[in-house]
């Protein structure tokens, strides 16, 4: 079977993405970083639209920052409540703890 260079490039890109994701996950797990304690993504509803907030960083004080499209961002700590960044507007995640986000199915972990 003959593959075009476009198909080969697409296959190679897919392999590299999967390999990179596995390596990142292994490195993070092996090191036992603080990232392991926060969900990878959080699903929140705001004004009838579903948004996926992705973990962007964890500061030295333990505050995790999540970002989504439309310049939305939020923060949360391991034992605190979710807060909006740069706005007083709230959605379905605002004020919830990580335990509450996990219990409601809004927190998405990578295992």
Protein backbone atom coordinates (compact mmCIF):
# COMPACT_ATOMS: atom_id res chain seq x y z
CA UNK A 1 0.00 0.00 0.00
CA UNK A 2 1.32 3.40 -0.95
CA UNK A 3 0.74 6.37 1.35
CA UNK A 4 0.88 9.97 0.25
CA UNK A 5 3.20 12.39 2.00
CA UNK A 6 0.14 14.13 3.48
CA UNK A 7 -1.07 10.86 5.04
CA UNK A 8 2.40 10.11 6.39
CA UNK A 9 2.65 13.60 7.90
CA UNK A 10 -0.78 13.28 9.48
CA UNK A 11 0.05 9.86 10.95
CA UNK A 12 3.41 11.10 12.25
CA UNK A 13 1.79 14.16 13.86
CA UNK A 14 -0.80 11.95 15.59
CA UNK A 15 1.90 9.61 16.91
CA UNK A 16 3.93 12.54 18.25
CA UNK A 17 0.91 14.06 20.00
CA UNK A 18 0.03 10.75 21.66
CA UNK A 19 3.64 10.08 22.64
CA UNK A 20 4.00 13.60 24.04
CA UNK A 21 0.81 13.29 26.07
CA UNK A 22 1.95 9.97 27.50
CA UNK A 23 5.37 11.36 28.34
CA UNK A 24 3.86 14.44 30.02
CA UNK A 25 1.47 12.29 32.03
CA UNK A 26 4.25 9.92 33.09
CA UNK A 27 6.60 12.72 34.07
CA UNK A 28 3.93 14.53 36.06
CA UNK A 29 2.86 11.34 37.82
CA UNK A 30 6.42 10.23 38.53
CA UNK A 31 7.32 13.57 40.06
CA UNK A 32 4.11 13.78 42.11
CA UNK A 33 3.54 17.42 41.21
CA UNK A 34 0.76 19.60 42.55
CA UNK A 35 -0.85 19.27 39.10
CA UNK A 36 -1.90 15.75 40.12
CA UNK A 37 -4.25 17.20 42.73
CA UNK A 38 -6.21 19.42 40.33
CA UNK A 39 -8.51 18.32 37.50
CA UNK A 40 -7.18 18.81 33.97
CA UNK A 41 -10.38 20.56 32.91
CA UNK A 42 -13.58 21.89 34.45
CA UNK A 43 -16.87 22.15 32.54
CA UNK A 44 -18.98 25.20 33.43
CA UNK A 45 -22.16 26.72 32.04
CA UNK A 46 -22.41 30.49 31.66
CA UNK A 47 -25.44 32.21 30.11
CA UNK A 48 -26.57 29.02 28.39
CA UNK A 49 -23.17 28.19 26.87
CA UNK A 50 -20.93 25.34 28.02
CA UNK A 51 -17.25 26.27 28.51
CA UNK A 52 -14.25 24.02 29.12
CA UNK A 53 -11.72 25.60 31.47
CA UNK A 54 -8.24 24.04 31.21
CA UNK A 55 -5.61 24.02 33.94
CA UNK A 56 -3.02 26.62 32.97
CA UNK A 57 -0.82 26.99 36.06
CA UNK A 58 -0.51 26.42 39.78
CA UNK A 59 1.16 29.27 41.68
CA UNK A 60 3.55 28.74 44.57
CA UNK A 61 0.72 29.57 47.00
CA UNK A 62 -1.34 26.63 45.63
CA UNK A 63 -3.79 28.69 43.56
CA UNK A 64 -4.67 26.99 40.29
CA UNK A 65 -5.63 29.12 37.29
CA UNK A 66 -7.98 27.76 34.63
CA UNK A 67 -8.56 29.40 31.24
CA UNK A 68 -11.26 29.06 28.57
CA UNK A 69 -12.10 30.70 25.28
CA UNK A 70 -13.60 34.20 25.18
CA UNK A 71 -10.91 35.35 27.65
CA UNK A 72 -12.62 33.66 30.60
CA UNK A 73 -10.47 32.58 33.55
CA UNK A 74 -10.96 31.37 37.07
CA UNK A 75 -8.97 30.30 40.10
CA UNK A 76 -9.36 27.70 42.82
CA UNK A 77 -7.28 26.22 45.62
CA UNK A 78 -7.32 22.68 46.98
CA UNK A 79 -9.67 23.66 49.80
CA UNK A 80 -11.18 26.91 48.53
CA UNK A 81 -13.99 27.89 46.20
CA UNK A 82 -13.86 28.67 42.48
CA UNK A 83 -13.62 32.38 41.69
CA UNK A 84 -13.90 34.30 38.42
CA UNK A 85 -10.89 36.35 37.33
CA UNK A 86 -11.44 39.86 36.02
CA UNK A 87 -15.21 39.74 36.36
CA UNK A 88 -17.97 39.49 38.91
CA UNK A 89 -20.00 37.36 36.50
CA UNK A 90 -20.60 33.82 37.62
CA UNK A 91 -21.46 30.53 36.04
CA UNK A 92 -22.22 27.04 37.27
CA UNK A 93 -18.72 26.62 38.78
CA UNK A 94 -18.54 29.82 40.79
CA UNK A 95 -18.34 29.22 44.53
CA UNK A 96 -17.87 25.45 44.28
CA UNK A 97 -14.99 23.54 45.85
CA UNK A 98 -12.98 20.90 43.99
CA UNK A 99 -14.94 18.22 45.87
CA UNK A 100 -18.22 19.76 44.70
CA UNK A 101 -16.99 20.08 41.11
CA UNK A 102 -15.93 16.42 41.13
CA UNK A 103 -19.21 15.29 42.72
CA UNK A 104 -21.25 17.17 40.11
CA UNK A 105 -19.22 15.66 37.25
CA UNK A 106 -17.86 19.03 36.17
CA UNK A 107 -14.21 18.24 36.99
CA UNK A 108 -12.32 16.14 34.44
CA UNK A 109 -9.23 14.25 35.59
CA UNK A 110 -6.66 12.50 33.42
CA UNK A 111 -5.61 9.12 34.76
